[in-house]
C-alpha atoms as a PDB file:
ATOM      1  CA  PHE A   1      -4.566  17.753  62.790  1.00  0.00           C
ATOM      2  CA  LYS A   2      -3.974  16.549  66.294  1.00  0.00           C
ATOM      3  CA  LYS A   3      -2.381  13.502  67.799  1.00  0.00           C
ATOM      4  CA  GLU A   4      -3.863  13.155  71.259  1.00  0.00           C
ATOM      5  CA  ARG A   5      -1.798  11.916  74.209  1.00  0.00           C
ATOM      6  CA  LEU A   6       1.438  11.241  72.358  1.00  0.00           C
ATOM      7  CA  SER A   7       3.035   8.102  73.694  1.00  0.00           C
ATOM      8  CA  ARG A   8       6.552   8.275  75.046  1.00  0.00           C
ATOM      9  CA  MET A   9       7.153   4.769  73.723  1.00  0.00           C
ATOM     10  CA  PHE A  10       9.243   3.978  70.673  1.00  0.00           C
ATOM     11  CA  PHE A  11       6.300   1.953  69.327  1.00  0.00           C
ATOM     12  CA  LEU A  12       7.014   2.530  65.636  1.00  0.00           C
ATOM     13  CA  GLY A  13      10.531   3.900  65.834  1.00  0.00           C
ATOM     14  CA  ASN A  14      13.206   3.264  63.248  1.00  0.00           C
ATOM     15  CA  TYR A  15      15.288   1.069  65.532  1.00  0.00           C
ATOM     16  CA  PHE A  16      12.734  -1.608  66.333  1.00  0.00           C
ATOM     17  CA  LYS A  17      10.759  -3.986  64.158  1.00  0.00           C
ATOM     18  CA  MET A  18       7.298  -4.278  65.644  1.00  0.00           C
ATOM     19  CA  LYS A  19       4.452  -6.745  65.236  1.00  0.00           C
ATOM     20  CA  ILE A  20       1.585  -4.541  64.113  1.00  0.00           C
ATOM     21  CA  ILE A  21      -2.028  -5.194  63.176  1.00  0.00           C
ATOM     22  CA  LEU A  22      -4.222  -2.903  61.100  1.00  0.00           C
ATOM     23  CA  THR A  23      -7.966  -2.826  60.774  1.00  0.00           C
ATOM     24  CA  GLY A  24      -9.312  -0.950  57.766  1.00  0.00           C
ATOM     25  CA  ALA A  25      -6.186  -1.791  55.773  1.00  0.00           C
ATOM     26  CA  THR A  26      -8.043  -1.754  52.444  1.00  0.00           C
ATOM     27  CA  GLY A  27      -9.114   1.858  52.863  1.00  0.00           C
ATOM     28  CA  PHE A  28      -7.531   5.027  51.501  1.00  0.00           C
ATOM     29  CA  ILE A  29      -5.533   5.841  54.641  1.00  0.00           C
ATOM     30  CA  GLY A  30      -4.792   2.189  55.342  1.00  0.00           C
ATOM     31  CA  SER A  31      -3.103   1.573  52.004  1.00  0.00           C
ATOM     32  CA  HIS A  32      -0.706   4.470  52.606  1.00  0.00           C
ATOM     33  CA  ILE A  33       0.118   3.339  56.129  1.00  0.00           C
ATOM     34  CA  ILE A  34       0.773  -0.199  54.901  1.00  0.00           C
ATOM     35  CA  SER A  35       3.327   1.097  52.383  1.00  0.00           C
ATOM     36  CA  LYS A  36       5.205   3.002  55.061  1.00  0.00           C
ATOM     37  CA  LEU A  37       5.186   0.104  57.520  1.00  0.00           C
ATOM     38  CA  LEU A  38       6.555  -2.228  54.846  1.00  0.00           C
ATOM     39  CA  ALA A  39       9.335   0.254  54.114  1.00  0.00           C
ATOM     40  CA  LYS A  40      10.281   0.134  57.813  1.00  0.00           C
ATOM     41  CA  GLU A  41      10.204  -3.701  57.699  1.00  0.00           C
ATOM     42  CA  HIS A  42       7.668  -4.120  60.472  1.00  0.00           C
ATOM     43  CA  LYS A  43       5.834  -7.440  60.708  1.00  0.00           C
ATOM     44  CA  ILE A  44       2.274  -6.682  59.625  1.00  0.00           C
ATOM     45  CA  THR A  45      -1.030  -8.432  60.170  1.00  0.00           C
ATOM     46  CA  VAL A  46      -4.332  -7.212  58.734  1.00  0.00           C
ATOM     47  CA  LEU A  47      -7.902  -8.068  59.704  1.00  0.00           C
ATOM     48  CA  LEU A  48      -9.957  -8.488  56.524  1.00  0.00           C
ATOM     49  CA  ARG A  49     -13.644  -9.151  55.954  1.00  0.00           C
ATOM     50  CA  ASP A  50     -13.274  -9.773  52.221  1.00  0.00           C
ATOM     51  CA  LYS A  51     -11.358 -12.994  51.515  1.00  0.00           C
ATOM     52  CA  SER A  52     -11.023 -12.051  47.837  1.00  0.00           C
ATOM     53  CA  LYS A  53      -8.453  -9.441  48.879  1.00  0.00           C
ATOM     54  CA  ASN A  54      -6.242 -11.859  50.806  1.00  0.00           C
ATOM     55  CA  ASN A  55      -3.746 -12.437  48.018  1.00  0.00           C
ATOM     56  CA  SER A  56      -3.007  -8.756  47.472  1.00  0.00           C
ATOM     57  CA  PHE A  57      -1.708  -8.579  51.047  1.00  0.00           C
ATOM     58  CA  GLU A  58      -0.188 -12.038  51.327  1.00  0.00           C
ATOM     59  CA  SER A  59       1.886 -11.398  48.203  1.00  0.00           C
ATOM     60  CA  LEU A  60       3.552  -8.560  50.153  1.00  0.00           C
ATOM     61  CA  GLY A  61       4.424 -10.849  53.053  1.00  0.00           C
ATOM     62  CA  ILE A  62       1.552  -9.591  55.201  1.00  0.00           C
ATOM     63  CA  THR A  63      -0.339 -12.001  57.453  1.00  0.00           C
ATOM     64  CA  VAL A  64      -4.085 -12.001  56.821  1.00  0.00           C
ATOM     65  CA  ILE A  65      -6.733 -12.927  59.376  1.00  0.00           C
ATOM     66  CA  ASN A  66     -10.260 -13.038  57.994  1.00  0.00           C
ATOM     67  CA  GLY A  67     -12.886 -11.699  60.340  1.00  0.00           C
ATOM     68  CA  ASN A  68     -14.542  -8.513  61.522  1.00  0.00           C
ATOM     69  CA  LEU A  69     -15.023  -6.334  64.563  1.00  0.00           C
ATOM     70  CA  ASP A  70     -18.131  -8.283  65.597  1.00  0.00           C
ATOM     71  CA  ASN A  71     -16.352 -11.636  65.646  1.00  0.00           C
ATOM     72  CA  LYS A  72     -14.523 -11.940  68.954  1.00  0.00           C
ATOM     73  CA  SER A  73     -12.917 -15.210  67.900  1.00  0.00           C
ATOM     74  CA  SER A  74     -11.269 -13.627  64.860  1.00  0.00           C
ATOM     75  CA  LEU A  75     -10.252 -10.597  66.937  1.00  0.00           C
ATOM     76  CA  LYS A  76      -8.557 -12.812  69.495  1.00  0.00           C
ATOM     77  CA  LYS A  77      -6.778 -14.764  66.755  1.00  0.00           C
ATOM     78  CA  SER A  78      -5.629 -11.633  64.948  1.00  0.00           C
ATOM     79  CA  LEU A  79      -4.106 -10.125  68.114  1.00  0.00           C
ATOM     80  CA  LYS A  80      -1.850 -13.067  68.933  1.00  0.00           C
ATOM     81  CA  ASP A  81       1.735 -11.844  69.542  1.00  0.00           C
ATOM     82  CA  ILE A  82       0.788  -8.315  68.387  1.00  0.00           C
ATOM     83  CA  GLU A  83       2.534  -5.330  69.992  1.00  0.00           C
ATOM     84  CA  VAL A  84       0.825  -2.369  68.297  1.00  0.00           C
ATOM     85  CA  VAL A  85      -2.774  -1.976  67.068  1.00  0.00           C
ATOM     86  CA  ILE A  86      -3.674   0.592  64.399  1.00  0.00           C
ATOM     87  CA  HIS A  87      -7.460   0.809  64.301  1.00  0.00           C
ATOM     88  CA  LEU A  88      -8.609   2.451  61.073  1.00  0.00           C
ATOM     89  CA  ALA A  89     -11.765   0.501  60.301  1.00  0.00           C
ATOM     90  CA  GLY A  90     -14.902   2.589  60.371  1.00  0.00           C
ATOM     91  CA  VAL A  91     -18.054   3.505  58.522  1.00  0.00           C
ATOM     92  CA  LEU A  92     -18.062   6.907  56.825  1.00  0.00           C
ATOM     93  CA  PRO A  93     -21.187   9.057  56.629  1.00  0.00           C
ATOM     94  CA  SER A  94     -23.395   8.977  53.570  1.00  0.00           C
ATOM     95  CA  SER A  95     -27.071   9.180  52.695  1.00  0.00           C
ATOM     96  CA  LYS A  96     -27.155   5.362  52.497  1.00  0.00           C
ATOM     97  CA  VAL A  97     -25.650   4.762  55.947  1.00  0.00           C
ATOM     98  CA  SER A  98     -27.905   4.657  58.989  1.00  0.00           C
ATOM     99  CA  LYS A  99     -27.069   5.853  62.479  1.00  0.00           C
ATOM    100  CA  LYS A 100     -27.322   2.241  63.615  1.00  0.00           C
ATOM    101  CA  SER A 101     -24.641   1.164  61.113  1.00  0.00           C
ATOM    102  CA  LEU A 102     -22.350   4.019  62.129  1.00  0.00           C
ATOM    103  CA  TYR A 103     -22.611   3.160  65.805  1.00  0.00           C
ATOM    104  CA  LYS A 104     -22.318  -0.597  65.275  1.00  0.00           C
ATOM    105  CA  THR A 105     -18.919  -0.282  63.587  1.00  0.00           C
ATOM    106  CA  ASN A 106     -17.463   2.944  64.915  1.00  0.00           C
ATOM    107  CA  VAL A 107     -18.513   2.540  68.535  1.00  0.00           C
ATOM    108  CA  ASP A 108     -19.343  -1.101  69.223  1.00  0.00           C
ATOM    109  CA  GLY A 109     -16.607  -2.379  66.886  1.00  0.00           C
ATOM    110  CA  THR A 110     -14.026  -0.254  68.675  1.00  0.00           C
ATOM    111  CA  LYS A 111     -15.277  -1.484  72.040  1.00  0.00           C
ATOM    112  CA  ASN A 112     -15.007  -5.115  70.921  1.00  0.00           C
ATOM    113  CA  LEU A 113     -11.480  -4.633  69.617  1.00  0.00           C
ATOM    114  CA  LEU A 114     -10.175  -2.728  72.638  1.00  0.00           C
ATOM    115  CA  THR A 115     -11.743  -5.232  75.035  1.00  0.00           C
ATOM    116  CA  GLU A 116      -9.684  -7.988  73.393  1.00  0.00           C
ATOM    117  CA  VAL A 117      -6.597  -5.758  73.269  1.00  0.00           C
ATOM    118  CA  LEU A 118      -6.720  -5.256  77.030  1.00  0.00           C
ATOM    119  CA  LYS A 119      -6.624  -9.017  77.549  1.00  0.00           C
ATOM    120  CA  SER A 120      -3.211  -9.197  75.884  1.00  0.00           C
ATOM    121  CA  GLU A 121       0.017  -8.901  77.844  1.00  0.00           C
ATOM    122  CA  LYS A 122       2.059  -7.981  74.756  1.00  0.00           C
ATOM    123  CA  ILE A 123       0.119  -5.071  73.267  1.00  0.00           C
ATOM    124  CA  LYS A 124       1.525  -1.750  74.443  1.00  0.00           C
ATOM    125  CA  GLN A 125       0.082   0.760  71.971  1.00  0.00           C
ATOM    126  CA  PHE A 126      -3.415   1.351  70.572  1.00  0.00           C
ATOM    127  CA  ILE A 127      -3.752   3.910  67.754  1.00  0.00           C
ATOM    128  CA  PHE A 128      -7.243   5.086  66.852  1.00  0.00           C
ATOM    129  CA  MET A 129      -8.122   7.070  63.741  1.00  0.00           C
ATOM    130  CA  SER A 130     -10.765   9.643  64.619  1.00  0.00           C
ATOM    131  CA  THR A 131     -11.622  12.953  62.963  1.00  0.00           C
ATOM    132  CA  ALA A 132     -10.902  16.618  63.664  1.00  0.00           C
ATOM    133  CA  PHE A 133     -14.591  17.363  63.191  1.00  0.00           C
ATOM    134  CA  VAL A 134     -15.435  16.000  66.653  1.00  0.00           C
ATOM    135  CA  GLU A 135     -14.209  19.372  67.918  1.00  0.00           C
ATOM    136  CA  TRP A 136     -16.707  21.367  65.887  1.00  0.00           C
ATOM    137  CA  GLY A 137     -19.616  21.156  68.268  1.00  0.00           C
ATOM    138  CA  SER A 138     -21.237  19.648  71.329  1.00  0.00           C
ATOM    139  CA  ASP A 139     -22.897  16.268  71.810  1.00  0.00           C
ATOM    140  CA  SER A 140     -26.209  17.788  70.730  1.00  0.00           C
ATOM    141  CA  SER A 141     -24.876  19.451  67.562  1.00  0.00           C
ATOM    142  CA  ARG A 142     -22.466  16.838  66.169  1.00  0.00           C
ATOM    143  CA  SER A 143     -23.460  14.655  63.232  1.00  0.00           C
ATOM    144  CA  ASP A 144     -24.079  10.950  63.885  1.00  0.00           C
ATOM    145  CA  TYR A 145     -20.656  10.175  62.412  1.00  0.00           C
ATOM    146  CA  GLU A 146     -18.868  12.713  64.594  1.00  0.00           C
ATOM    147  CA  GLN A 147     -20.751  11.545  67.654  1.00  0.00           C
ATOM    148  CA  SER A 148     -19.840   7.918  66.954  1.00  0.00           C
ATOM    149  CA  LYS A 149     -16.164   8.901  66.856  1.00  0.00           C
ATOM    150  CA  ILE A 150     -16.237  10.920  70.064  1.00  0.00           C
ATOM    151  CA  LEU A 151     -18.031   8.088  71.878  1.00  0.00           C
ATOM    152  CA  ALA A 152     -15.328   5.672  70.707  1.00  0.00           C
ATOM    153  CA  GLU A 153     -12.649   8.113  71.886  1.00  0.00           C
ATOM    154  CA  ARG A 154     -14.223   8.376  75.318  1.00  0.00           C
ATOM    155  CA  PHE A 155     -14.381   4.608  75.645  1.00  0.00           C
ATOM    156  CA  ILE A 156     -10.678   4.327  74.783  1.00  0.00           C
ATOM    157  CA  VAL A 157      -9.687   6.993  77.298  1.00  0.00           C
ATOM    158  CA  ASP A 158     -11.806   5.445  80.037  1.00  0.00           C
ATOM    159  CA  ARG A 159     -10.889   1.794  79.497  1.00  0.00           C
ATOM    160  CA  THR A 160      -7.134   2.304  79.188  1.00  0.00           C
ATOM    161  CA  LYS A 161      -6.885   4.066  82.543  1.00  0.00           C
ATOM    162  CA  HIS A 162      -4.707   2.157  84.977  1.00  0.00           C
ATOM    163  CA  THR A 163      -3.500  -0.240  82.255  1.00  0.00           C
ATOM    164  CA  ASP A 164      -0.136  -0.644  80.541  1.00  0.00           C
ATOM    165  CA  VAL A 165      -1.700   0.042  77.127  1.00  0.00           C
ATOM    166  CA  LYS A 166      -0.971   3.552  75.894  1.00  0.00           C
ATOM    167  CA  PHE A 167      -3.294   5.080  73.339  1.00  0.00           C
ATOM    168  CA  THR A 168      -2.899   7.607  70.555  1.00  0.00           C
ATOM    169  CA  ILE A 169      -5.934   9.275  68.993  1.00  0.00           C
ATOM    170  CA  VAL A 170      -5.256  10.808  65.592  1.00  0.00           C
ATOM    171  CA  ARG A 171      -7.705  13.505  64.456  1.00  0.00           C
ATOM    172  CA  PRO A 172      -7.075  14.413  60.816  1.00  0.00           C
ATOM    173  CA  GLY A 173      -9.231  16.903  58.955  1.00  0.00           C
ATOM    174  CA  PHE A 174     -10.796  16.129  55.577  1.00  0.00           C
ATOM    175  CA  VAL A 175      -8.311  13.610  54.152  1.00  0.00           C
ATOM    176  CA  TYR A 176      -7.325  14.005  50.522  1.00  0.00           C
ATOM    177  CA  GLY A 177      -4.640  12.723  48.162  1.00  0.00           C
ATOM    178  CA  ASN A 178      -3.777  11.833  44.587  1.00  0.00           C
ATOM    179  CA  SER A 179      -5.197   8.321  44.572  1.00  0.00           C
ATOM    180  CA  ILE A 180      -8.676   8.967  45.930  1.00  0.00           C
ATOM    181  CA  ASN A 181     -11.628   9.187  43.561  1.00  0.00           C
ATOM    182  CA  SER A 182     -14.155  10.671  45.925  1.00  0.00           C
ATOM    183  CA  GLY A 183     -14.490  13.558  48.325  1.00  0.00           C
ATOM    184  CA  ILE A 184     -12.332  16.380  47.032  1.00  0.00           C
ATOM    185  CA  SER A 185     -11.762  14.874  43.567  1.00  0.00           C
ATOM    186  CA  PRO A 186     -14.861  16.457  41.956  1.00  0.00           C
ATOM    187  CA  LEU A 187     -13.789  19.844  43.310  1.00  0.00           C
ATOM    188  CA  VAL A 188     -10.283  19.451  41.863  1.00  0.00           C
ATOM    189  CA  LYS A 189     -11.730  18.516  38.483  1.00  0.00           C
ATOM    190  CA  MET A 190     -13.996  21.583  38.525  1.00  0.00           C
ATOM    191  CA  ILE A 191     -11.037  23.840  39.265  1.00  0.00           C
ATOM    192  CA  ALA A 192      -8.929  22.216  36.535  1.00  0.00           C
ATOM    193  CA  SER A 193     -11.714  22.707  33.963  1.00  0.00           C
ATOM    194  CA  ASN A 194     -12.410  26.320  35.031  1.00  0.00           C
ATOM    195  CA  LYS A 195     -15.921  25.370  36.162  1.00  0.00           C
ATOM    196  CA  PHE A 196     -15.412  26.126  39.833  1.00  0.00           C
ATOM    197  CA  PHE A 197     -17.238  29.017  41.461  1.00  0.00           C
ATOM    198  CA  TYR A 198     -17.296  30.360  45.010  1.00  0.00           C
ATOM    199  CA  VAL A 199     -20.346  30.137  47.232  1.00  0.00           C
ATOM    200  CA  GLY A 200     -20.330  33.163  49.499  1.00  0.00           C
ATOM    201  CA  THR A 201     -17.151  35.173  50.048  1.00  0.00           C
ATOM    202  CA  GLY A 202     -14.744  32.292  49.548  1.00  0.00           C
ATOM    203  CA  ASN A 203     -13.152  33.028  52.905  1.00  0.00           C
ATOM    204  CA  ASN A 204     -14.556  30.048  54.803  1.00  0.00           C
ATOM    205  CA  LEU A 205     -12.018  27.913  56.660  1.00  0.00           C
ATOM    206  CA  PHE A 206     -11.988  24.126  56.392  1.00  0.00           C
ATOM    207  CA  GLU A 207      -9.652  21.557  57.962  1.00  0.00           C
ATOM    208  CA  MET A 208      -7.868  19.420  55.386  1.00  0.00           C
ATOM    209  CA  THR A 209      -5.066  16.878  55.763  1.00  0.00           C
ATOM    210  CA  HIS A 210      -3.084  15.133  53.039  1.00  0.00           C
ATOM    211  CA  VAL A 211      -3.124  11.353  53.351  1.00  0.00           C
ATOM    212  CA  GLU A 212       0.686  11.232  53.309  1.00  0.00           C
ATOM    213  CA  ASP A 213       0.766  13.460  56.393  1.00  0.00           C
ATOM    214  CA  VAL A 214      -1.697  11.181  58.179  1.00  0.00           C
ATOM    215  CA  ALA A 215       0.357   8.095  57.301  1.00  0.00           C
ATOM    216  CA  ASN A 216       3.678   9.690  58.264  1.00  0.00           C
ATOM    217  CA  LEU A 217       2.320  10.770  61.648  1.00  0.00           C
ATOM    218  CA  THR A 218       0.821   7.360  62.360  1.00  0.00           C
ATOM    219  CA  VAL A 219       4.055   5.471  61.736  1.00  0.00           C
ATOM    220  CA  SER A 220       6.358   8.083  63.287  1.00  0.00           C
END
């Protein structure tokens, strides 16, 4: 996977304790990044929609701000004194998710967040979790999900020009790991039970990234 425009800053280095906010902290990738940030003793804030999950973060010493990417007031509150933003929140593709929903969160939500970020004098690093699959085609051939991610990327690149905020775009492949119960899990179970069979020659290539690798790169 790729990490676009690597920052020369020490933003998450071992020698500095940073004030970091995560969106999408309750997700698969987010939970792994949280663990690694806690191990490095960074001061963490998370933006949560679901208040019922507050305690699980607060019990770890994490500051919780309830809100969402549409609520500019909660975004402004959550970014107070923050130095690094890790933007993971996004809608994944499925048969139940409309193009409108994908664009509202993945594009408009990113725009709302970055707009508030650029108003801050303290934030120096913006990390955006994209996908390697944006490279698979053109604007006319990408899926709605892939197109929503590339549009968000373009907005980040354009809006951070001539600012002090450096950005990092992380493009992992299909993310998998031991604690996920969707995606690749059914395939693993088929292989383990000797029920798996190849479709075609079995020589097709597919980009895959372990969640630990994604988390390690993000906090490096």
